[in-house]
């Protein structure tokens, strides 16, 4: 069965689960925001670059939603989401101009340093940001409709599922495009890419912008779902969780971010419920086991098995013909 069909079936099953058991809507939506953020991080992972500070774009988007909702009461939730993503995009334009010059640990640490500066400012500017207490968001209208809490959460679930499918399709399409292939070439041989006439700097910058925009969607949705925005959204621990999910799921396909999020949330919830004092240990152990057993993540292992099955089917359909001499 093809990936788009499986994705639609998974989205439908998630929707049914949310509508059947209302208490699952909040963890589902929050889990999807983690998956969307990891999807953005996986764009940079295709170039072999791991950012330990990409949560700052989620934070920028979330605070933009909060500021706009407080400054202009009655603003539609869809407008708030677009405004948050636009803020992330504009921030990435400026930050990306000098961040994408670096590679490896320098790229990761520079993003981390910038996110820590933002985190510190949000905590100190109490009169503007509410400090560590954060900013509350009054439940907005969505698509022009004023909804009660339960109806609002269900509408947000549908919106998040639609956005997840759309963003996954967009990122996967990018991976298969010329720009996406060139971004992957930076990981393998950047010098050869330059000799072919491509600008590695410009390719990285475009990938960085896409990555920030996708992460921005996660922050905006999370802000609306929680109704509260705090500096923790942009903490380095949150960025680490995004990287964790990316490694767990694999960056070989857009579906990897969602598989990684399912694995992450499952281990986190189960271990927190049954082993409250060891849940962080179990998360770390899970990551170690995945790295050793599936170096390319869940999606990488699946892709290998699918490729092997396709080769086996191809051999069965066209068996080797051995000529017989008379």
Protein backbone atom coordinates (compact mmCIF):
# COMPACT_ATOMS: atom_id res chain seq x y z
CA UNK A 1 0.00 0.00 0.00
CA UNK A 2 1.38 3.43 -0.96
CA UNK A 3 2.47 5.98 1.64
CA UNK A 4 -0.24 8.60 0.78
CA UNK A 5 -2.97 6.00 1.31
CA UNK A 6 -1.45 4.88 4.60
CA UNK A 7 -1.14 8.51 5.69
CA UNK A 8 -4.80 9.17 4.98
CA UNK A 9 -5.85 6.01 6.82
CA UNK A 10 -3.69 6.97 9.81
CA UNK A 11 -5.18 10.49 9.83
CA UNK A 12 -8.70 9.05 9.64
CA UNK A 13 -7.99 6.63 12.50
CA UNK A 14 -6.58 9.48 14.58
CA UNK A 15 -9.65 11.59 13.88
CA UNK A 16 -11.98 8.77 14.91
CA UNK A 17 -9.99 8.23 18.09
CA UNK A 18 -10.15 11.91 18.97
CA UNK A 19 -13.89 12.19 18.36
CA UNK A 20 -14.61 8.94 20.22
CA UNK A 21 -12.48 9.74 23.27
CA UNK A 22 -12.37 13.50 23.80
CA UNK A 23 -9.63 13.24 26.42
CA UNK A 24 -7.21 12.04 23.73
CA UNK A 25 -7.50 15.23 21.66
CA UNK A 26 -4.99 17.26 23.68
CA UNK A 27 -2.18 14.63 23.67
CA UNK A 28 -2.84 13.90 19.98
CA UNK A 29 -2.58 17.55 18.95
CA UNK A 30 0.48 18.16 21.11
CA UNK A 31 2.08 15.00 19.71
CA UNK A 32 1.36 16.22 16.18
CA UNK A 33 3.02 19.56 16.94
CA UNK A 34 6.13 17.66 17.99
CA UNK A 35 5.97 15.67 14.76
CA UNK A 36 5.61 18.84 12.67
CA UNK A 37 8.60 20.41 14.45
CA UNK A 38 10.67 17.26 13.90
CA UNK A 39 9.65 17.39 10.24
CA UNK A 40 11.24 20.82 10.05
CA UNK A 41 14.39 19.63 11.81
CA UNK A 42 14.62 16.68 9.39
CA UNK A 43 15.01 19.12 6.48
CA UNK A 44 18.36 20.23 7.91
CA UNK A 45 19.20 16.64 8.81
CA UNK A 46 19.06 15.81 5.07
CA UNK A 47 22.08 18.07 4.69
CA UNK A 48 23.82 16.36 7.60
CA UNK A 49 23.22 19.35 9.88
CA UNK A 50 21.54 18.94 13.26
CA UNK A 51 20.14 22.06 14.92
CA UNK A 52 19.91 22.05 18.71
CA UNK A 53 18.05 25.36 18.74
CA UNK A 54 15.20 25.08 16.27
CA UNK A 55 12.65 25.33 19.07
CA UNK A 56 13.28 29.09 18.93
CA UNK A 57 11.19 29.24 15.73
CA UNK A 58 8.38 27.42 17.47
CA UNK A 59 8.72 29.93 20.31
CA UNK A 60 8.75 32.96 17.97
CA UNK A 61 5.60 31.72 16.29
CA UNK A 62 3.85 30.97 19.58
CA UNK A 63 4.61 34.39 21.08
CA UNK A 64 3.51 36.11 17.88
CA UNK A 65 0.17 34.33 18.22
CA UNK A 66 -0.08 35.45 21.85
CA UNK A 67 0.88 39.08 21.16
CA UNK A 68 -1.50 39.40 18.22
CA UNK A 69 -4.38 37.71 20.05
CA UNK A 70 -3.97 40.15 22.97
CA UNK A 71 -3.48 43.21 20.79
CA UNK A 72 -6.35 42.40 18.42
CA UNK A 73 -9.05 40.44 20.27
CA UNK A 74 -11.35 38.55 17.94
CA UNK A 75 -8.64 37.69 15.42
CA UNK A 76 -9.38 34.38 13.73
CA UNK A 77 -7.25 31.37 14.71
CA UNK A 78 -6.28 30.80 11.08
CA UNK A 79 -4.96 34.35 10.86
CA UNK A 80 -3.05 33.87 14.10
CA UNK A 81 -1.38 30.72 12.76
CA UNK A 82 -0.36 32.45 9.53
CA UNK A 83 1.00 35.42 11.47
CA UNK A 84 3.07 33.13 13.69
CA UNK A 85 4.51 31.28 10.70
CA UNK A 86 5.29 34.58 8.96
CA UNK A 87 7.19 35.77 12.03
CA UNK A 88 9.25 32.55 12.04
CA UNK A 89 9.95 32.98 8.33
CA UNK A 90 11.14 36.58 8.75
CA UNK A 91 13.34 35.65 11.69
CA UNK A 92 14.86 32.76 9.71
CA UNK A 93 15.67 35.06 6.78
CA UNK A 94 17.92 37.16 9.02
CA UNK A 95 19.34 34.38 11.20
CA UNK A 96 19.86 32.02 8.30
CA UNK A 97 22.03 34.53 6.43
CA UNK A 98 24.97 33.83 8.75
CA UNK A 99 24.01 30.52 10.43
CA UNK A 100 24.10 28.51 7.18
CA UNK A 101 27.74 29.47 6.66
CA UNK A 102 28.68 26.92 9.31
CA UNK A 103 28.62 23.14 9.32
CA UNK A 104 28.62 20.31 11.82
CA UNK A 105 28.89 21.10 15.51
CA UNK A 106 29.27 24.82 14.83
CA UNK A 107 25.90 24.93 13.06
CA UNK A 108 24.20 23.06 15.89
CA UNK A 109 25.81 25.09 18.69
CA UNK A 110 25.18 28.45 17.03
CA UNK A 111 21.49 27.69 16.74
CA UNK A 112 21.53 26.53 20.35
CA UNK A 113 23.21 29.75 21.51
CA UNK A 114 20.65 31.91 19.72
CA UNK A 115 17.75 29.94 21.17
CA UNK A 116 19.22 30.32 24.68
CA UNK A 117 19.49 34.08 24.20
CA UNK A 118 15.83 34.21 23.17
CA UNK A 119 14.86 32.00 26.11
CA UNK A 120 16.68 34.29 28.55
CA UNK A 121 15.13 37.45 27.11
CA UNK A 122 11.62 36.03 27.30
CA UNK A 123 12.17 35.18 30.95
CA UNK A 124 13.61 38.59 31.86
CA UNK A 125 11.22 40.90 29.98
CA UNK A 126 8.39 40.25 32.42
CA UNK A 127 6.31 43.33 31.60
CA UNK A 128 6.22 42.38 27.93
CA UNK A 129 6.27 38.57 27.93
CA UNK A 130 4.95 37.67 31.38
CA UNK A 131 8.30 36.10 32.26
CA UNK A 132 8.24 32.46 33.26
CA UNK A 133 4.48 32.74 33.89
CA UNK A 134 3.94 33.34 30.19
CA UNK A 135 0.98 34.84 28.36
CA UNK A 136 -2.54 33.47 28.30
CA UNK A 137 -4.51 33.37 25.07
CA UNK A 138 -8.26 33.81 25.07
CA UNK A 139 -9.85 31.13 22.92
CA UNK A 140 -10.26 32.74 19.47
CA UNK A 141 -12.85 32.16 16.79
CA UNK A 142 -11.87 29.62 14.18
CA UNK A 143 -12.96 30.04 10.56
CA UNK A 144 -15.35 32.74 11.79
CA UNK A 145 -17.08 30.40 14.26
CA UNK A 146 -17.24 30.96 18.01
CA UNK A 147 -16.93 27.52 19.58
CA UNK A 148 -17.01 26.09 23.07
CA UNK A 149 -13.90 24.43 24.43
CA UNK A 150 -14.68 20.87 23.32
CA UNK A 151 -15.82 21.93 19.85
CA UNK A 152 -12.79 24.21 19.51
CA UNK A 153 -10.42 21.38 20.37
CA UNK A 154 -12.09 19.08 17.86
CA UNK A 155 -11.84 21.74 15.16
CA UNK A 156 -8.18 22.26 16.06
CA UNK A 157 -7.62 18.51 15.79
CA UNK A 158 -9.02 18.48 12.26
CA UNK A 159 -6.98 21.53 11.32
CA UNK A 160 -3.78 20.01 12.74
CA UNK A 161 -4.31 16.74 10.87
CA UNK A 162 -4.90 18.59 7.60
CA UNK A 163 -1.82 20.75 8.14
CA UNK A 164 0.25 17.67 9.05
CA UNK A 165 -0.68 15.93 5.79
CA UNK A 166 -0.10 19.11 3.76
CA UNK A 167 3.29 19.83 5.36
CA UNK A 168 4.42 16.21 5.00
CA UNK A 169 3.47 16.29 1.31
CA UNK A 170 5.27 19.64 0.86
CA UNK A 171 8.48 18.49 2.57
CA UNK A 172 8.52 15.15 0.74
CA UNK A 173 8.00 16.97 -2.56
CA UNK A 174 10.92 19.21 -1.65
CA UNK A 175 13.10 16.18 -0.86
CA UNK A 176 12.43 14.83 -4.37
CA UNK A 177 12.98 18.18 -6.09
CA UNK A 178 16.26 19.44 -7.48
CA UNK A 179 16.79 21.70 -4.47
CA UNK A 180 16.15 18.82 -2.09
CA UNK A 181 18.58 16.56 -3.92
CA UNK A 182 21.16 19.33 -3.87
CA UNK A 183 20.60 19.74 -0.12
CA UNK A 184 21.31 16.02 0.36
CA UNK A 185 24.48 16.44 -1.72
CA UNK A 186 25.83 18.86 0.88
CA UNK A 187 25.99 15.94 3.29
CA UNK A 188 27.86 13.67 0.88
CA UNK A 189 30.18 15.99 -1.04
CA UNK A 190 29.71 19.75 -0.78
CA UNK A 191 32.86 20.51 -2.75
CA UNK A 192 31.68 18.53 -5.75
CA UNK A 193 28.34 20.34 -5.55
CA UNK A 194 30.16 23.67 -5.80
CA UNK A 195 32.18 22.43 -8.79
CA UNK A 196 28.91 21.58 -10.55
CA UNK A 197 27.95 25.25 -10.35
CA UNK A 198 25.55 25.17 -7.40
CA UNK A 199 25.76 27.54 -4.46
CA UNK A 200 25.82 25.43 -1.32
CA UNK A 201 25.22 28.56 0.73
CA UNK A 202 22.02 29.45 -1.15
CA UNK A 203 20.76 25.85 -1.09
CA UNK A 204 21.33 25.64 2.67
CA UNK A 205 19.63 28.99 3.16
CA UNK A 206 16.50 27.90 1.27
CA UNK A 207 16.40 24.64 3.23
CA UNK A 208 16.82 26.57 6.47
CA UNK A 209 13.87 28.81 5.61
CA UNK A 210 11.66 25.82 4.85
CA UNK A 211 12.75 24.20 8.10
CA UNK A 212 11.89 27.32 10.14
CA UNK A 213 8.49 27.72 8.49
CA UNK A 214 7.50 24.13 9.23
CA UNK A 215 8.62 24.44 12.86
CA UNK A 216 6.68 27.72 13.05
CA UNK A 217 3.44 25.88 12.33
CA UNK A 218 4.04 23.65 15.34
CA UNK A 219 4.50 26.61 17.68
CA UNK A 220 1.36 28.41 16.51
CA UNK A 221 -0.82 25.31 16.90
CA UNK A 222 0.67 24.51 20.30
CA UNK A 223 -0.07 28.03 21.52
CA UNK A 224 -3.73 27.75 20.51
CA UNK A 225 -4.08 24.27 21.98
CA UNK A 226 -2.56 25.15 25.36
CA UNK A 227 -4.01 28.64 25.60
CA UNK A 228 -0.75 29.59 27.28
CA UNK A 229 2.67 30.54 25.92
CA UNK A 230 5.78 30.28 28.10
CA UNK A 231 9.53 30.49 27.41
CA UNK A 232 9.76 26.71 27.84
CA UNK A 233 8.48 26.34 24.27
CA UNK A 234 11.86 27.63 23.08
CA UNK A 235 14.10 25.90 25.62
CA UNK A 236 17.09 23.82 24.58
CA UNK A 237 15.39 20.77 26.10
CA UNK A 238 12.51 21.19 23.64
CA UNK A 239 14.98 21.45 20.76
CA UNK A 240 16.61 18.27 22.03
CA UNK A 241 13.27 16.49 21.95
CA UNK A 242 12.78 17.54 18.34
CA UNK A 243 16.19 16.12 17.46
CA UNK A 244 15.37 12.96 19.43
CA UNK A 245 12.20 12.44 17.38
CA UNK A 246 14.05 13.12 14.12
CA UNK A 247 16.71 10.52 14.88
CA UNK A 248 14.13 8.05 16.13
CA UNK A 249 11.99 8.29 13.01
CA UNK A 250 14.72 8.94 10.47
CA UNK A 251 15.14 11.71 7.90
CA UNK A 252 14.88 9.55 4.80
CA UNK A 253 11.19 10.32 4.32
CA UNK A 254 8.74 12.90 5.65
CA UNK A 255 6.82 10.10 7.38
CA UNK A 256 9.82 9.53 9.66
CA UNK A 257 8.96 12.58 11.79
CA UNK A 258 5.50 11.22 12.53
CA UNK A 259 6.73 7.69 13.23
CA UNK A 260 9.35 9.14 15.54
CA UNK A 261 6.73 11.23 17.34
CA UNK A 262 4.54 8.17 17.87
CA UNK A 263 7.49 6.25 19.29
CA UNK A 264 8.59 9.18 21.45
CA UNK A 265 5.14 9.87 22.91
CA UNK A 266 4.45 6.17 23.47
CA UNK A 267 7.68 5.57 25.39
CA UNK A 268 7.26 8.84 27.28
CA UNK A 269 3.66 8.24 28.36
CA UNK A 270 4.08 4.55 29.22
CA UNK A 271 7.34 5.04 31.12
CA UNK A 272 5.97 8.11 32.96
CA UNK A 273 2.88 6.11 33.98
CA UNK A 274 4.60 2.93 35.13
CA UNK A 275 8.17 4.12 35.88
CA UNK A 276 7.80 7.80 36.87
CA UNK A 277 11.33 7.99 38.22
CA UNK A 278 12.96 6.36 35.20
CA UNK A 279 11.12 7.79 32.17
CA UNK A 280 14.11 9.89 31.05
CA UNK A 281 16.39 6.87 31.40
CA UNK A 282 14.02 4.77 29.29
CA UNK A 283 13.83 7.47 26.62
CA UNK A 284 17.60 7.59 26.40
CA UNK A 285 17.84 3.81 26.33
CA UNK A 286 15.28 3.69 23.50
CA UNK A 287 17.32 6.15 21.46
CA UNK A 288 20.52 4.16 22.01
CA UNK A 289 18.84 0.93 20.91
CA UNK A 290 17.38 2.58 17.81
CA UNK A 291 20.76 4.03 16.83
CA UNK A 292 22.43 0.62 17.15
CA UNK A 293 19.64 -1.44 15.57
CA UNK A 294 18.23 1.06 13.05
CA UNK A 295 20.90 3.68 12.26
CA UNK A 296 18.62 5.29 9.67
CA UNK A 297 15.61 5.35 12.01
CA UNK A 298 12.25 3.66 11.72
CA UNK A 299 11.52 4.98 8.26
CA UNK A 300 14.97 3.97 7.00
CA UNK A 301 14.41 0.40 8.10
CA UNK A 302 10.97 0.34 6.49
CA UNK A 303 12.35 1.73 3.22
CA UNK A 304 15.06 -0.95 3.18
CA UNK A 305 12.50 -3.73 3.60
CA UNK A 306 10.22 -2.25 0.94
CA UNK A 307 13.15 -1.98 -1.48
CA UNK A 308 14.13 -5.60 -0.80
CA UNK A 309 10.55 -6.76 -1.42
CA UNK A 310 10.39 -4.78 -4.67
CA UNK A 311 13.63 -6.37 -5.86
CA UNK A 312 12.33 -9.82 -4.97
CA UNK A 313 9.06 -9.20 -6.84
CA UNK A 314 10.97 -7.90 -9.85
CA UNK A 315 13.06 -11.08 -9.96
CA UNK A 316 9.91 -13.23 -9.77
CA UNK A 317 8.22 -11.36 -12.61
CA UNK A 318 11.22 -11.53 -14.92
CA UNK A 319 13.18 -14.71 -14.08
CA UNK A 320 16.60 -15.19 -15.58
CA UNK A 321 16.31 -17.06 -18.85
CA UNK A 322 19.14 -19.54 -19.39
CA UNK A 323 19.65 -20.39 -23.06
CA UNK A 324 19.64 -24.12 -23.84
CA UNK A 325 22.05 -25.37 -26.51
CA UNK A 326 20.82 -27.91 -29.02
